[in-house]
Protein backbone atom coordinates (compact mmCIF):
# COMPACT_ATOMS: atom_id res chain seq x y z
CA UNK A 1 17.19 -43.08 34.50
CA UNK A 2 14.21 -40.99 35.58
CA UNK A 3 13.88 -37.30 34.86
CA UNK A 4 13.82 -35.08 37.90
CA UNK A 5 11.14 -32.42 38.46
CA UNK A 6 13.14 -29.64 36.78
CA UNK A 7 13.85 -31.79 33.72
CA UNK A 8 10.17 -32.69 33.40
CA UNK A 9 9.17 -29.03 33.63
CA UNK A 10 11.68 -28.20 30.91
CA UNK A 11 10.37 -31.01 28.70
CA UNK A 12 6.75 -29.83 29.06
CA UNK A 13 7.81 -26.23 28.34
CA UNK A 14 9.63 -27.36 25.18
CA UNK A 15 6.48 -29.17 24.04
CA UNK A 16 4.50 -25.98 24.71
CA UNK A 17 6.95 -23.91 22.65
CA UNK A 18 6.62 -26.38 19.78
CA UNK A 19 2.80 -26.35 20.01
CA UNK A 20 2.85 -22.57 20.01
CA UNK A 21 5.09 -22.36 16.94
CA UNK A 22 3.87 -25.29 14.84
CA UNK A 23 0.20 -25.50 15.80
CA UNK A 24 -0.41 -21.86 16.71
CA UNK A 25 -1.80 -23.16 20.02
CA UNK A 26 -1.42 -21.21 23.26
CA UNK A 27 -1.22 -23.70 26.15
CA UNK A 28 -2.04 -22.15 29.51
CA UNK A 29 -0.48 -24.80 31.73
CA UNK A 30 1.10 -28.22 31.56
CA UNK A 31 0.54 -31.31 33.64
CA UNK A 32 2.77 -34.29 34.41
CA UNK A 33 0.98 -37.38 35.69
CA UNK A 34 2.85 -40.01 37.68
CA UNK A 35 1.07 -43.20 36.70
CA UNK A 36 2.70 -45.38 39.34
CA UNK A 37 2.31 -42.97 42.27
CA UNK A 38 0.70 -44.50 45.32
CA UNK A 39 -0.15 -41.29 47.20
CA UNK A 40 -2.90 -39.02 45.91
CA UNK A 41 -0.86 -35.83 46.40
CA UNK A 42 2.09 -37.24 44.38
CA UNK A 43 0.16 -38.13 41.23
CA UNK A 44 0.35 -34.83 39.41
CA UNK A 45 2.69 -31.92 38.91
CA UNK A 46 1.38 -28.72 37.35
CA UNK A 47 3.78 -26.87 35.07
CA UNK A 48 3.34 -23.13 34.56
CA UNK A 49 3.60 -22.08 30.92
CA UNK A 50 3.50 -18.33 31.25
CA UNK A 51 5.76 -16.06 29.21
CA UNK A 52 8.55 -16.07 31.81
CA UNK A 53 8.74 -19.88 32.08
CA UNK A 54 8.62 -20.36 28.30
CA UNK A 55 11.37 -17.78 27.81
CA UNK A 56 13.53 -19.58 30.40
CA UNK A 57 13.03 -22.88 28.54
CA UNK A 58 13.81 -21.25 25.19
CA UNK A 59 17.04 -19.74 26.58
CA UNK A 60 18.05 -23.08 28.11
CA UNK A 61 17.62 -24.87 24.77
CA UNK A 62 19.50 -22.13 22.88
CA UNK A 63 22.39 -22.24 25.37
CA UNK A 64 22.57 -26.03 25.21
CA UNK A 65 22.52 -25.99 21.40
CA UNK A 66 25.31 -23.41 21.33
CA UNK A 67 27.42 -25.55 23.67
CA UNK A 68 26.87 -28.60 21.46
CA UNK A 69 27.88 -26.66 18.35
CA UNK A 70 31.08 -25.61 20.14
CA UNK A 71 31.59 -29.25 21.20
CA UNK A 72 31.42 -28.21 24.86
CA UNK A 73 29.29 -30.88 26.45
CA UNK A 74 29.46 -33.95 28.63
CA UNK A 75 28.10 -37.26 27.50
CA UNK A 76 25.03 -38.19 29.53
CA UNK A 77 22.60 -36.24 31.67
CA UNK A 78 23.80 -33.02 33.25
CA UNK A 79 22.07 -31.08 35.99
CA UNK A 80 21.67 -27.41 35.11
CA UNK A 81 22.73 -24.93 37.75
CA UNK A 82 21.57 -21.81 35.94
CA UNK A 83 18.20 -20.80 34.54
CA UNK A 84 16.26 -23.53 36.29
CA UNK A 85 12.55 -23.78 35.66
CA UNK A 86 10.44 -22.96 38.71
């Protein structure tokens, strides 16, 4: 199963949060490269890593973790309807 655009943005933002905390590195932006893309304009997706986007990712992870602790989760991928990354 492939990740959709929102899931990829969330994943890159989580990596950025980890880099910030563990490596004391301040990433300015993220980039997803589609290695199999045929069209030039579909080969890359830039991911903003400003304060707002990182805070949204952090809140999403915290909410998901809280739901797991409460045993309120579905098995398998779930599309988020709130707090989507832009």
